[in-house]
Protein backbone atom coordinates (compact mmCIF):
# COMPACT_ATOMS: atom_id res chain seq x y z
CA MET A 1 -7.61 -24.30 -26.35
CA MET A 2 -9.97 -23.81 -23.42
CA ARG A 3 -9.98 -26.82 -21.16
CA SER A 4 -13.42 -28.27 -20.46
CA TYR A 5 -14.72 -30.01 -17.37
CA GLY A 6 -17.33 -31.68 -19.55
CA GLN A 7 -20.09 -30.68 -17.14
CA PHE A 8 -23.31 -28.83 -17.97
CA CYS A 9 -22.98 -26.63 -14.89
CA GLY A 10 -22.65 -22.86 -14.68
CA LEU A 11 -19.82 -23.07 -12.15
CA ALA A 12 -17.87 -25.52 -14.29
CA ARG A 13 -18.26 -23.40 -17.41
CA SER A 14 -17.32 -20.24 -15.52
CA LEU A 15 -14.16 -21.91 -14.22
CA GLU A 16 -13.28 -22.97 -17.73
CA VAL A 17 -12.99 -19.25 -18.51
CA VAL A 18 -11.60 -17.68 -15.32
CA GLY A 19 -10.44 -20.62 -13.22
CA ASP A 20 -6.84 -20.75 -14.45
CA ARG A 21 -4.09 -19.34 -12.23
CA TRP A 22 -3.84 -15.50 -12.46
CA ASN A 23 -7.05 -15.01 -14.45
CA LEU A 24 -9.12 -13.51 -11.63
CA LEU A 25 -6.19 -11.39 -10.47
CA ILE A 26 -5.93 -9.94 -13.97
CA VAL A 27 -9.65 -9.15 -13.77
CA ARG A 28 -9.06 -7.56 -10.34
CA GLN A 29 -6.53 -5.18 -11.86
CA LEU A 30 -8.85 -4.25 -14.71
CA LEU A 31 -11.73 -3.63 -12.30
CA LEU A 32 -9.55 -0.89 -10.83
CA ALA A 33 -8.94 0.70 -14.25
CA PRO A 34 -8.04 -0.19 -17.84
CA ALA A 35 -4.32 -0.92 -17.99
CA ARG A 36 -1.41 -1.24 -20.37
CA TYR A 37 0.60 -4.45 -20.48
CA ARG A 38 3.39 -2.86 -18.39
CA ASP A 39 0.85 -1.67 -15.82
CA LEU A 40 -0.42 -5.22 -15.47
CA ILE A 41 3.09 -6.59 -14.99
CA ASP A 42 3.68 -4.02 -12.24
CA GLY A 43 0.31 -4.73 -10.59
CA LEU A 44 0.70 -8.51 -10.59
CA PRO A 45 3.89 -9.26 -8.63
CA GLY A 46 5.21 -12.71 -9.47
CA ILE A 47 3.62 -13.25 -12.88
CA ALA A 48 5.88 -14.18 -15.78
CA THR A 49 5.58 -11.99 -18.86
CA ASN A 50 4.88 -14.91 -21.20
CA LEU A 51 2.20 -16.24 -18.86
CA LEU A 52 0.51 -12.84 -18.68
CA ALA A 53 0.49 -12.68 -22.49
CA ASP A 54 -1.11 -16.14 -22.65
CA ARG A 55 -3.75 -15.28 -20.04
CA LEU A 56 -4.64 -12.00 -21.74
CA ARG A 57 -5.04 -13.76 -25.05
CA ASP A 58 -7.31 -16.42 -23.50
CA LEU A 59 -9.46 -13.87 -21.66
CA GLU A 60 -9.79 -11.78 -24.80
CA ALA A 61 -10.81 -14.83 -26.85
CA ALA A 62 -13.42 -15.69 -24.20
CA GLY A 63 -14.89 -12.17 -24.33
CA VAL A 64 -13.89 -11.16 -20.80
CA LEU A 65 -11.58 -8.33 -21.87
CA GLU A 66 -10.70 -6.37 -24.96
CA ARG A 67 -7.78 -4.41 -26.35
CA ARG A 68 -8.21 -0.80 -27.33
CA LEU A 69 -6.10 2.21 -28.29
CA SER A 70 -5.69 4.93 -25.70
CA GLY A 71 -4.27 8.45 -25.96
CA ALA A 72 -2.81 10.38 -28.83
CA GLY A 73 0.01 7.88 -29.25
CA GLY A 74 -2.37 5.00 -29.77
CA VAL A 75 -1.05 2.98 -26.83
CA VAL A 76 -2.71 -0.42 -26.47
CA GLU A 77 -4.49 -0.95 -23.18
CA TYR A 78 -6.68 -3.74 -21.85
CA ALA A 79 -10.19 -3.20 -20.48
CA LEU A 80 -12.98 -5.43 -19.31
CA THR A 81 -15.98 -5.94 -21.54
CA PRO A 82 -19.40 -5.32 -19.93
CA TRP A 83 -19.67 -9.10 -19.41
CA GLY A 84 -16.21 -9.22 -17.87
CA ALA A 85 -17.07 -6.34 -15.53
CA GLU A 86 -19.88 -8.47 -14.12
CA LEU A 87 -17.16 -10.44 -12.33
CA ARG A 88 -17.02 -7.63 -9.76
CA GLY A 89 -19.75 -9.30 -7.70
CA PRO A 90 -18.13 -12.76 -7.50
CA ILE A 91 -14.71 -11.21 -6.80
CA GLU A 92 -16.11 -9.05 -3.98
CA SER A 93 -17.77 -12.15 -2.52
CA LEU A 94 -14.45 -13.99 -2.58
CA ILE A 95 -12.77 -11.04 -0.84
CA ARG A 96 -15.35 -11.22 1.95
CA TRP A 97 -15.00 -15.01 2.13
CA SER A 98 -11.22 -14.61 2.52
CA THR A 99 -11.44 -12.83 5.89
CA PRO A 100 -10.29 -15.83 7.99
CA LEU A 101 -7.37 -16.33 5.59
CA MET A 102 -6.23 -12.72 6.04
CA LEU A 103 -6.00 -12.77 9.84
CA ARG A 104 -2.39 -13.91 9.88
CA GLY A 105 -1.35 -10.73 8.06
CA PRO A 106 0.91 -10.29 5.02
CA ASP A 107 3.35 -12.99 6.14
CA GLY A 108 5.90 -11.78 3.57
CA ASP A 109 3.45 -11.59 0.67
CA ALA A 110 3.55 -8.68 -1.79
CA PHE A 111 1.02 -5.89 -1.39
CA ARG A 112 -0.15 -3.04 -3.61
CA PRO A 113 -2.10 -0.16 -2.00
CA GLU A 114 -4.55 0.04 -4.90
CA TRP A 115 -5.89 -3.40 -3.99
CA LEU A 116 -7.69 -1.72 -1.08
CA ALA A 117 -9.88 0.01 -3.66
CA LEU A 118 -11.71 -3.28 -4.16
CA ALA A 119 -11.28 -4.90 -0.77
CA VAL A 120 -12.35 -2.14 1.63
CA PRO A 121 -15.65 -1.25 -0.13
CA ALA A 122 -16.48 -4.95 -0.55
CA LEU A 123 -15.98 -5.58 3.17
CA LEU A 124 -17.82 -2.48 4.34
CA ASP A 125 -20.74 -2.87 1.95
CA ALA A 126 -21.52 -6.25 3.51
CA ARG A 127 -21.40 -4.93 7.10
CA ILE A 128 -22.57 -1.34 7.26
CA ALA A 129 -26.31 -0.73 6.89
CA GLN A 130 -26.48 2.92 7.99
CA ARG A 131 -23.90 4.68 5.82
CA PRO A 132 -22.78 8.15 6.81
CA THR A 133 -21.51 10.75 4.38
CA ALA A 134 -17.82 11.22 5.10
CA THR A 135 -14.33 11.28 3.61
CA ILE A 136 -11.51 9.61 5.52
CA GLY A 137 -7.85 9.86 4.63
CA LEU A 138 -5.96 6.57 4.52
CA ASP A 139 -2.27 7.27 5.09
CA ILE A 140 -0.97 3.85 4.14
CA ALA A 141 1.37 4.61 1.26
CA ASP A 142 2.63 7.21 -1.15
CA PRO A 143 0.42 8.38 -2.76
CA ALA A 144 -2.15 8.56 0.01
CA TYR A 145 -5.70 7.31 -0.48
CA GLN A 146 -9.10 8.32 0.80
CA LEU A 147 -12.22 6.37 1.73
CA ARG A 148 -15.42 8.09 0.69
CA ALA A 149 -18.66 6.96 2.32
CA THR A 150 -22.05 7.95 0.94
CA PRO A 151 -25.54 6.53 1.40
CA SER A 152 -25.07 4.66 -1.89
CA GLY A 153 -21.85 2.91 -0.87
CA PHE A 154 -18.11 3.17 -0.33
CA ALA A 155 -15.16 3.96 -2.60
CA VAL A 156 -11.40 4.10 -2.09
CA ILE A 157 -9.54 6.45 -4.44
CA PRO A 158 -6.23 8.33 -4.46
CA ARG A 159 -6.33 11.60 -2.48
CA ASP A 160 -7.97 14.30 -4.59
CA GLY A 161 -7.49 17.27 -2.31
CA SER A 162 -11.03 17.32 -0.91
CA ALA A 163 -11.61 18.08 2.77
CA LEU A 164 -11.20 15.15 5.16
CA ASP A 165 -13.37 14.43 8.18
CA ALA A 166 -10.63 12.28 9.69
CA THR A 167 -7.37 10.55 8.80
CA VAL A 168 -6.12 7.09 9.74
CA ARG A 169 -2.45 6.15 9.68
CA ALA A 170 -1.98 2.40 9.78
CA ASP A 171 -0.54 -0.62 8.08
CA PRO A 172 -2.90 -1.73 5.27
CA ALA A 173 -3.52 -5.02 7.09
CA TYR A 174 -5.13 -3.12 9.96
CA ILE A 175 -7.29 -1.08 7.59
CA LEU A 176 -8.55 -4.37 6.18
CA GLY A 177 -9.15 -5.65 9.71
CA LEU A 178 -11.25 -2.60 10.55
CA ALA A 179 -13.24 -2.92 7.32
CA ALA A 180 -13.87 -6.63 7.95
CA GLY A 181 -14.92 -6.06 11.56
CA ALA A 182 -12.09 -8.31 12.74
CA LEU A 183 -10.42 -5.37 14.54
CA THR A 184 -12.06 -2.58 16.53
CA LEU A 185 -10.83 0.98 16.73
CA ASP A 186 -10.48 0.67 20.48
CA ASP A 187 -8.31 -2.43 20.22
CA ALA A 188 -6.25 -0.95 17.40
CA ARG A 189 -5.57 2.22 19.39
CA ALA A 190 -4.81 0.31 22.60
CA LEU A 191 -2.27 -1.81 20.75
CA GLY A 192 -0.72 1.19 19.04
CA LEU A 193 -1.64 -0.11 15.58
CA ILE A 194 -3.23 3.08 14.26
CA GLU A 195 -3.08 6.86 14.63
CA ILE A 196 -6.18 8.99 14.19
CA ASP A 197 -6.54 12.67 13.34
CA GLY A 198 -9.84 14.48 13.11
CA ASP A 199 -13.33 13.41 14.11
CA GLU A 200 -13.12 9.95 15.63
CA SER A 201 -16.92 9.65 15.70
CA VAL A 202 -16.88 9.67 11.91
CA LEU A 203 -14.49 6.72 11.89
CA ARG A 204 -16.73 4.84 14.30
CA ALA A 205 -19.74 5.47 12.08
CA VAL A 206 -17.94 4.38 8.89
CA PHE A 207 -16.37 1.26 10.36
CA ALA A 208 -19.27 0.54 12.75
CA ALA A 209 -16.72 0.42 15.55
């Protein structure tokens, strides 16, 4: 049963649906792509399998996500409904709000490279008004990723073989720092935190550094 705050308030009713522990992180994973149950377990370090099953059931009952069959084998995967996908905006706002909390670095916490696919565009979209057209390699993990900037916005995706204007090699925490404006390219290079190949002016335009 959904717990109620007993308040006629949009925030209270929203929290009744997505306020429980893990719910928004499940939505984060499904904003990246529809996922099978095993994919969600892998993408949510620390969650218990029975708790994930409970949360998926609750979110499905609330209309945030749905189950569907995928592929020739009819594998069940979970996907956001159109209403659930509207949580992208609030989640991106929370990512931007979290910047002071991220300054201490990972501090032993788990990290998945695909999380940058939400975080970096959310941070850059709020800061960069004049958006160049460029593709930057992000050598942070295997597989490598790329940041694509266009006048309409930013996207982080796995490397697709397209030509790169520049490449950055760095710990993911420093990529987040650059995207948030908490770290400049000059400081990062002076401290030996990043390595850059290619056109550095492109990096400065993308990160407004």
